[in-house]
């Protein structure tokens, strides 16, 4: 269990190094932490972006923009609050 979680975290950190919200590139601290939390919860629940896009009837590229904070959707915010159990108070 720990090895699996460690691998997931390493994979997540690799993805986050390319993020437009990366603080080394002048990104937003809040958006970086929000994106990292969303991606981590998706990894925990074994929910790839394809499945998320299908559930919300959106394209994968639009889901990427929602995750990074380039776009906003109230439906997406409700989804991450209810299904991924993300609360902005703890970010």
Protein backbone atom coordinates (compact mmCIF):
# COMPACT_ATOMS: atom_id res chain seq x y z
CA UNK A 1 0.00 0.00 0.00
CA UNK A 2 2.75 2.48 0.92
CA UNK A 3 4.84 1.67 -2.16
CA UNK A 4 1.81 2.14 -4.37
CA UNK A 5 0.98 5.47 -2.74
CA UNK A 6 4.60 6.60 -3.04
CA UNK A 7 4.58 5.78 -6.77
CA UNK A 8 1.35 7.72 -7.22
CA UNK A 9 2.82 10.73 -5.45
CA UNK A 10 5.99 10.60 -7.57
CA UNK A 11 3.87 10.44 -10.74
CA UNK A 12 1.82 13.37 -9.49
CA UNK A 13 4.92 15.44 -8.78
CA UNK A 14 6.18 14.77 -12.32
CA UNK A 15 2.89 16.03 -13.76
CA UNK A 16 2.85 19.04 -11.47
CA UNK A 17 6.33 20.13 -12.56
CA UNK A 18 4.82 20.83 -16.00
CA UNK A 19 1.84 22.70 -14.59
CA UNK A 20 1.19 26.28 -15.73
CA UNK A 21 0.46 27.06 -12.07
CA UNK A 22 3.92 25.96 -10.94
CA UNK A 23 5.18 28.61 -8.54
CA UNK A 24 8.69 28.45 -10.04
CA UNK A 25 7.18 29.80 -13.25
CA UNK A 26 5.30 32.60 -11.48
CA UNK A 27 2.03 30.68 -11.04
CA UNK A 28 -0.60 31.11 -8.38
CA UNK A 29 0.02 29.38 -5.05
CA UNK A 30 -3.69 28.64 -4.55
CA UNK A 31 -4.24 27.28 -8.07
CA UNK A 32 -1.13 25.10 -7.80
CA UNK A 33 -2.29 23.54 -4.53
CA UNK A 34 -5.85 23.18 -5.87
CA UNK A 35 -4.64 21.40 -9.01
CA UNK A 36 -2.35 19.13 -6.99
CA UNK A 37 -5.21 18.20 -4.64
CA UNK A 38 -7.62 17.45 -7.51
CA UNK A 39 -5.08 15.28 -9.32
CA UNK A 40 -4.18 13.44 -6.10
CA UNK A 41 -7.82 12.69 -5.31
CA UNK A 42 -8.36 11.49 -8.87
CA UNK A 43 -5.40 9.13 -8.45
CA UNK A 44 -6.77 7.86 -5.15
CA UNK A 45 -10.17 7.14 -6.65
CA UNK A 46 -8.70 5.65 -9.86
CA UNK A 47 -10.55 8.21 -11.96
CA UNK A 48 -8.71 9.21 -15.14
CA UNK A 49 -9.56 12.45 -16.94
CA UNK A 50 -11.37 10.47 -19.62
CA UNK A 51 -13.84 9.10 -17.08
CA UNK A 52 -14.28 12.52 -15.50
CA UNK A 53 -14.94 14.08 -18.91
CA UNK A 54 -17.48 11.38 -19.72
CA UNK A 55 -19.32 11.85 -16.40
CA UNK A 56 -19.58 15.61 -16.89
CA UNK A 57 -20.22 15.43 -20.67
CA UNK A 58 -17.21 17.65 -21.39
CA UNK A 59 -14.08 17.23 -23.49
CA UNK A 60 -10.80 16.09 -21.97
CA UNK A 61 -9.06 19.31 -22.96
CA UNK A 62 -11.75 21.36 -21.22
CA UNK A 63 -11.38 19.19 -18.10
CA UNK A 64 -7.65 19.98 -18.14
CA UNK A 65 -8.44 23.69 -18.27
CA UNK A 66 -10.89 23.32 -15.38
CA UNK A 67 -8.32 21.47 -13.29
CA UNK A 68 -5.59 24.04 -13.93
CA UNK A 69 -7.96 26.92 -13.25
CA UNK A 70 -7.89 28.46 -16.74
CA UNK A 71 -11.65 28.00 -16.96
CA UNK A 72 -14.44 27.84 -14.38
CA UNK A 73 -17.56 25.70 -14.19
CA UNK A 74 -19.93 25.57 -11.26
CA UNK A 75 -20.89 22.00 -12.20
CA UNK A 76 -17.22 20.96 -11.99
CA UNK A 77 -16.80 22.65 -8.60
CA UNK A 78 -19.86 20.81 -7.27
CA UNK A 79 -18.51 17.54 -8.66
CA UNK A 80 -15.11 17.88 -7.00
CA UNK A 81 -16.74 18.86 -3.73
CA UNK A 82 -19.17 15.93 -3.64
CA UNK A 83 -17.38 13.11 -5.43
CA UNK A 84 -13.72 13.87 -4.85
CA UNK A 85 -14.42 15.31 -1.39
CA UNK A 86 -12.26 18.40 -1.84
CA UNK A 87 -12.90 21.33 0.46
CA UNK A 88 -11.09 24.61 -0.22
CA UNK A 89 -10.77 25.27 3.51
CA UNK A 90 -8.02 22.66 3.70
CA UNK A 91 -6.03 23.70 0.63
